[in-house]
Amino acid sequence: MRGLFGKDRVSGVAAAQTAREMGSLVRLGLRKTRTLELRLDYLRNGKELKAFLSWLRGNHSHSVLIATCRRKEGGGLFQGTREEQIEILARLRMVRR
């Protein structure tokens, strides 16, 4: 589990391998800041991504959540294609309407 938070930070980063860990980091991070980057590329597989998106739908808050899914070329862990990357980010867009 990874997460970068601090009193003096304007925003935080939530990055974890499982949906459960990611949810814990989001809850913790929102106690410290109202803006979080969700590093979806850290999730271990599609099953964890689906579980996290499901959790996120049920946990709305007054916060700014910035989702990223960085491919290796962009300094991330996601190994899929550019099309798969866009599909993941488009799915997340539907969560916060």
N, C-alpha and C. Protein backbone atom coordinates (compact mmCIF):
# COMPACT_ATOMS: atom_id res chain seq x y z
N MET A 1 0.85 -1.17 0.00
CA MET A 1 0.00 0.00 0.00
C MET A 1 0.90 1.23 0.00
N ARG A 2 0.49 2.22 -0.81
CA ARG A 2 1.25 3.46 -0.88
C ARG A 2 0.30 4.62 -0.76
N GLY A 3 0.77 5.70 -0.26
CA GLY A 3 -0.02 6.91 -0.20
C GLY A 3 0.86 8.04 0.28
N LEU A 4 0.68 9.19 -0.29
CA LEU A 4 1.48 10.34 0.09
C LEU A 4 0.55 11.45 0.56
N PHE A 5 0.57 11.72 1.84
CA PHE A 5 -0.29 12.74 2.42
C PHE A 5 0.53 13.58 3.40
N GLY A 6 0.03 14.72 3.71
CA GLY A 6 0.70 15.55 4.70
C GLY A 6 -0.07 16.84 4.90
N LYS A 7 0.05 17.42 6.09
CA LYS A 7 -0.69 18.64 6.41
C LYS A 7 -0.37 19.78 5.45
N ASP A 8 0.85 19.84 4.98
CA ASP A 8 1.25 20.95 4.12
C ASP A 8 1.04 20.68 2.63
N ARG A 9 0.43 19.57 2.30
CA ARG A 9 0.22 19.23 0.89
C ARG A 9 -1.11 19.78 0.39
N VAL A 10 -1.09 20.29 -0.83
CA VAL A 10 -2.30 20.76 -1.47
C VAL A 10 -3.12 19.57 -1.95
N SER A 11 -2.43 18.52 -2.36
CA SER A 11 -3.11 17.31 -2.82
C SER A 11 -2.35 16.08 -2.34
N GLY A 12 -2.97 14.93 -2.53
CA GLY A 12 -2.35 13.67 -2.14
C GLY A 12 -2.44 12.67 -3.27
N VAL A 13 -1.77 11.56 -3.12
CA VAL A 13 -1.76 10.50 -4.12
C VAL A 13 -2.17 9.20 -3.43
N ALA A 14 -3.12 8.48 -4.04
CA ALA A 14 -3.50 7.15 -3.56
C ALA A 14 -3.07 6.14 -4.62
N ALA A 15 -2.21 5.22 -4.23
CA ALA A 15 -1.69 4.20 -5.15
C ALA A 15 -1.57 2.89 -4.38
N ALA A 16 -2.32 1.87 -4.81
CA ALA A 16 -2.29 0.58 -4.12
C ALA A 16 -2.59 -0.54 -5.12
N GLN A 17 -2.26 -1.76 -4.74
CA GLN A 17 -2.47 -2.91 -5.62
C GLN A 17 -3.89 -3.47 -5.56
N THR A 18 -4.59 -3.25 -4.46
CA THR A 18 -5.93 -3.82 -4.33
C THR A 18 -6.97 -2.71 -4.12
N ALA A 19 -8.21 -3.05 -4.44
CA ALA A 19 -9.31 -2.11 -4.26
C ALA A 19 -9.48 -1.75 -2.79
N ARG A 20 -9.35 -2.72 -1.94
CA ARG A 20 -9.50 -2.47 -0.49
C ARG A 20 -8.45 -1.48 0.02
N GLU A 21 -7.21 -1.71 -0.38
CA GLU A 21 -6.13 -0.79 0.03
C GLU A 21 -6.36 0.61 -0.56
N MET A 22 -6.77 0.66 -1.82
CA MET A 22 -7.00 1.95 -2.47
C MET A 22 -8.12 2.70 -1.76
N GLY A 23 -9.20 2.01 -1.42
CA GLY A 23 -10.29 2.65 -0.68
C GLY A 23 -9.83 3.19 0.66
N SER A 24 -9.01 2.43 1.35
CA SER A 24 -8.47 2.89 2.64
C SER A 24 -7.63 4.14 2.47
N LEU A 25 -6.81 4.16 1.42
CA LEU A 25 -5.99 5.34 1.16
C LEU A 25 -6.83 6.56 0.80
N VAL A 26 -7.90 6.35 0.06
CA VAL A 26 -8.78 7.47 -0.30
C VAL A 26 -9.42 8.04 0.97
N ARG A 27 -9.94 7.18 1.83
CA ARG A 27 -10.54 7.67 3.08
C ARG A 27 -9.51 8.42 3.93
N LEU A 28 -8.33 7.86 4.07
CA LEU A 28 -7.27 8.50 4.84
C LEU A 28 -6.85 9.83 4.20
N GLY A 29 -6.65 9.80 2.91
CA GLY A 29 -6.21 11.00 2.21
C GLY A 29 -7.21 12.14 2.29
N LEU A 30 -8.50 11.82 2.24
CA LEU A 30 -9.52 12.87 2.30
C LEU A 30 -9.64 13.48 3.70
N ARG A 31 -9.03 12.87 4.69
CA ARG A 31 -8.96 13.50 6.01
C ARG A 31 -7.87 14.56 6.05
N LYS A 32 -6.91 14.45 5.12
CA LYS A 32 -5.77 15.36 5.10
C LYS A 32 -5.90 16.46 4.04
N THR A 33 -6.58 16.16 2.95
CA THR A 33 -6.69 17.09 1.83
C THR A 33 -7.99 16.81 1.09
N ARG A 34 -8.47 17.77 0.31
CA ARG A 34 -9.71 17.59 -0.46
C ARG A 34 -9.42 17.21 -1.91
N THR A 35 -8.15 17.09 -2.28
CA THR A 35 -7.79 16.76 -3.66
C THR A 35 -6.86 15.55 -3.65
N LEU A 36 -7.26 14.50 -4.38
CA LEU A 36 -6.45 13.28 -4.46
C LEU A 36 -6.26 12.84 -5.90
N GLU A 37 -5.07 12.38 -6.20
CA GLU A 37 -4.81 11.71 -7.47
C GLU A 37 -4.98 10.21 -7.22
N LEU A 38 -5.79 9.56 -8.01
CA LEU A 38 -6.00 8.11 -7.91
C LEU A 38 -5.16 7.44 -8.98
N ARG A 39 -4.10 6.75 -8.59
CA ARG A 39 -3.20 6.09 -9.53
C ARG A 39 -3.74 4.70 -9.86
N LEU A 40 -4.62 4.65 -10.85
CA LEU A 40 -5.26 3.39 -11.23
C LEU A 40 -4.27 2.38 -11.79
N ASP A 41 -3.15 2.85 -12.32
CA ASP A 41 -2.15 1.93 -12.88
C ASP A 41 -1.48 1.07 -11.81
N TYR A 42 -1.62 1.42 -10.54
CA TYR A 42 -1.04 0.61 -9.47
C TYR A 42 -1.92 -0.60 -9.13
N LEU A 43 -3.20 -0.55 -9.49
CA LEU A 43 -4.07 -1.69 -9.19
C LEU A 43 -3.58 -2.92 -9.94
N ARG A 44 -3.57 -4.04 -9.27
CA ARG A 44 -2.92 -5.26 -9.74
C ARG A 44 -3.52 -5.83 -11.02
N ASN A 45 -4.84 -5.70 -11.22
CA ASN A 45 -5.47 -6.28 -12.42
C ASN A 45 -6.86 -5.68 -12.63
N GLY A 46 -7.53 -6.13 -13.69
CA GLY A 46 -8.85 -5.62 -14.03
C GLY A 46 -9.90 -5.89 -12.95
N LYS A 47 -9.76 -7.01 -12.25
CA LYS A 47 -10.71 -7.34 -11.18
C LYS A 47 -10.61 -6.30 -10.05
N GLU A 48 -9.41 -5.92 -9.69
CA GLU A 48 -9.22 -4.92 -8.64
C GLU A 48 -9.71 -3.54 -9.11
N LEU A 49 -9.49 -3.23 -10.38
CA LEU A 49 -9.98 -1.96 -10.92
C LEU A 49 -11.50 -1.92 -10.85
N LYS A 50 -12.15 -2.98 -11.29
CA LYS A 50 -13.62 -3.04 -11.27
C LYS A 50 -14.15 -2.91 -9.83
N ALA A 51 -13.51 -3.59 -8.90
CA ALA A 51 -13.93 -3.51 -7.49
C ALA A 51 -13.75 -2.11 -6.94
N PHE A 52 -12.65 -1.45 -7.29
CA PHE A 52 -12.42 -0.09 -6.80
C PHE A 52 -13.44 0.87 -7.38
N LEU A 53 -13.72 0.77 -8.67
CA LEU A 53 -14.71 1.65 -9.29
C LEU A 53 -16.08 1.45 -8.67
N SER A 54 -16.41 0.21 -8.35
CA SER A 54 -17.68 -0.08 -7.67
C SER A 54 -17.70 0.57 -6.29
N TRP A 55 -16.62 0.46 -5.56
CA TRP A 55 -16.52 1.09 -4.23
C TRP A 55 -16.66 2.60 -4.35
N LEU A 56 -16.00 3.17 -5.35
CA LEU A 56 -16.01 4.61 -5.52
C LEU A 56 -17.41 5.13 -5.82
N ARG A 57 -18.20 4.38 -6.59
CA ARG A 57 -19.57 4.79 -6.89
C ARG A 57 -20.40 4.96 -5.62
N GLY A 58 -20.15 4.14 -4.63
CA GLY A 58 -20.91 4.18 -3.39
C GLY A 58 -20.34 5.11 -2.34
N ASN A 59 -19.24 5.77 -2.62
CA ASN A 59 -18.58 6.62 -1.64
C ASN A 59 -18.31 8.00 -2.22
N HIS A 60 -19.38 8.74 -2.42
CA HIS A 60 -19.26 10.10 -2.96
C HIS A 60 -18.87 11.05 -1.84
N SER A 61 -18.11 12.04 -2.19
CA SER A 61 -17.70 13.05 -1.22
C SER A 61 -17.53 14.38 -1.94
N HIS A 62 -17.38 15.42 -1.17
CA HIS A 62 -17.13 16.75 -1.74
C HIS A 62 -15.63 16.93 -1.85
N SER A 63 -15.07 16.31 -2.84
CA SER A 63 -13.63 16.34 -3.02
C SER A 63 -13.32 16.35 -4.51
N VAL A 64 -12.08 16.60 -4.82
CA VAL A 64 -11.63 16.55 -6.20
C VAL A 64 -10.77 15.29 -6.33
N LEU A 65 -11.22 14.38 -7.18
CA LEU A 65 -10.48 13.15 -7.42
C LEU A 65 -9.98 13.18 -8.86
N ILE A 66 -8.69 13.11 -9.01
CA ILE A 66 -8.06 13.15 -10.33
C ILE A 66 -7.56 11.74 -10.63
N ALA A 67 -8.18 11.09 -11.59
CA ALA A 67 -7.79 9.72 -11.93
C ALA A 67 -6.72 9.73 -13.01
N THR A 68 -5.69 8.94 -12.78
CA THR A 68 -4.67 8.75 -13.79
C THR A 68 -4.43 7.26 -13.97
N CYS A 69 -4.02 6.90 -15.15
CA CYS A 69 -3.68 5.51 -15.46
C CYS A 69 -2.47 5.61 -16.39
N ARG A 70 -1.31 5.71 -15.81
CA ARG A 70 -0.10 5.99 -16.57
C ARG A 70 0.51 4.73 -17.15
N ARG A 71 0.79 4.79 -18.43
CA ARG A 71 1.48 3.69 -19.10
C ARG A 71 2.98 3.79 -18.80
N LYS A 72 3.70 2.75 -19.10
CA LYS A 72 5.15 2.72 -18.84
C LYS A 72 5.84 3.93 -19.46
N GLU A 73 5.43 4.29 -20.68
CA GLU A 73 6.03 5.42 -21.37
C GLU A 73 5.84 6.73 -20.61
N GLY A 74 4.80 6.79 -19.79
CA GLY A 74 4.50 7.99 -19.01
C GLY A 74 4.94 7.89 -17.56
N GLY A 75 5.77 6.90 -17.25
CA GLY A 75 6.28 6.75 -15.90
C GLY A 75 5.38 5.95 -14.98
N GLY A 76 4.42 5.20 -15.56
CA GLY A 76 3.50 4.42 -14.75
C GLY A 76 3.73 2.93 -14.84
N LEU A 77 2.76 2.19 -14.35
CA LEU A 77 2.86 0.73 -14.31
C LEU A 77 1.93 0.03 -15.29
N PHE A 78 0.99 0.77 -15.90
CA PHE A 78 0.00 0.14 -16.78
C PHE A 78 0.68 -0.42 -18.02
N GLN A 79 0.41 -1.70 -18.31
CA GLN A 79 1.06 -2.37 -19.43
C GLN A 79 0.15 -2.56 -20.63
N GLY A 80 -1.07 -2.07 -20.53
CA GLY A 80 -2.01 -2.22 -21.63
C GLY A 80 -1.75 -1.23 -22.76
N THR A 81 -2.63 -1.30 -23.75
CA THR A 81 -2.52 -0.42 -24.90
C THR A 81 -3.08 0.96 -24.59
N ARG A 82 -2.82 1.89 -25.47
CA ARG A 82 -3.36 3.25 -25.32
C ARG A 82 -4.90 3.20 -25.33
N GLU A 83 -5.47 2.35 -26.16
CA GLU A 83 -6.92 2.20 -26.23
C GLU A 83 -7.49 1.68 -24.91
N GLU A 84 -6.82 0.72 -24.30
CA GLU A 84 -7.25 0.19 -23.00
C GLU A 84 -7.14 1.26 -21.92
N GLN A 85 -6.11 2.06 -21.98
CA GLN A 85 -5.92 3.15 -21.03
C GLN A 85 -7.08 4.13 -21.13
N ILE A 86 -7.44 4.52 -22.32
CA ILE A 86 -8.55 5.46 -22.53
C ILE A 86 -9.86 4.85 -22.07
N GLU A 87 -10.06 3.56 -22.32
CA GLU A 87 -11.29 2.87 -21.89
C GLU A 87 -11.42 2.90 -20.36
N ILE A 88 -10.35 2.67 -19.66
CA ILE A 88 -10.36 2.70 -18.19
C ILE A 88 -10.74 4.09 -17.69
N LEU A 89 -10.12 5.10 -18.24
CA LEU A 89 -10.41 6.47 -17.81
C LEU A 89 -11.84 6.87 -18.16
N ALA A 90 -12.35 6.41 -19.29
CA ALA A 90 -13.74 6.70 -19.67
C ALA A 90 -14.70 6.02 -18.70
N ARG A 91 -14.39 4.83 -18.23
CA ARG A 91 -15.23 4.15 -17.23
C ARG A 91 -15.29 4.93 -15.93
N LEU A 92 -14.20 5.51 -15.53
CA LEU A 92 -14.17 6.27 -14.30
C LEU A 92 -14.99 7.55 -14.41
N ARG A 93 -14.98 8.16 -15.58
CA ARG A 93 -15.76 9.37 -15.79
C ARG A 93 -17.22 9.13 -15.46
N MET A 94 -17.72 7.95 -15.72
CA MET A 94 -19.12 7.61 -15.46
C MET A 94 -19.41 7.48 -13.97
N VAL A 95 -18.40 7.29 -13.15
CA VAL A 95 -18.59 7.08 -11.72
C VAL A 95 -19.05 8.34 -11.02
N ARG A 96 -18.50 9.49 -11.36
CA ARG A 96 -18.70 10.71 -10.58
C ARG A 96 -19.74 11.66 -11.13
N ARG A 97 -20.68 11.21 -11.90
CA ARG A 97 -21.71 12.12 -12.45
C ARG A 97 -22.76 12.43 -11.45
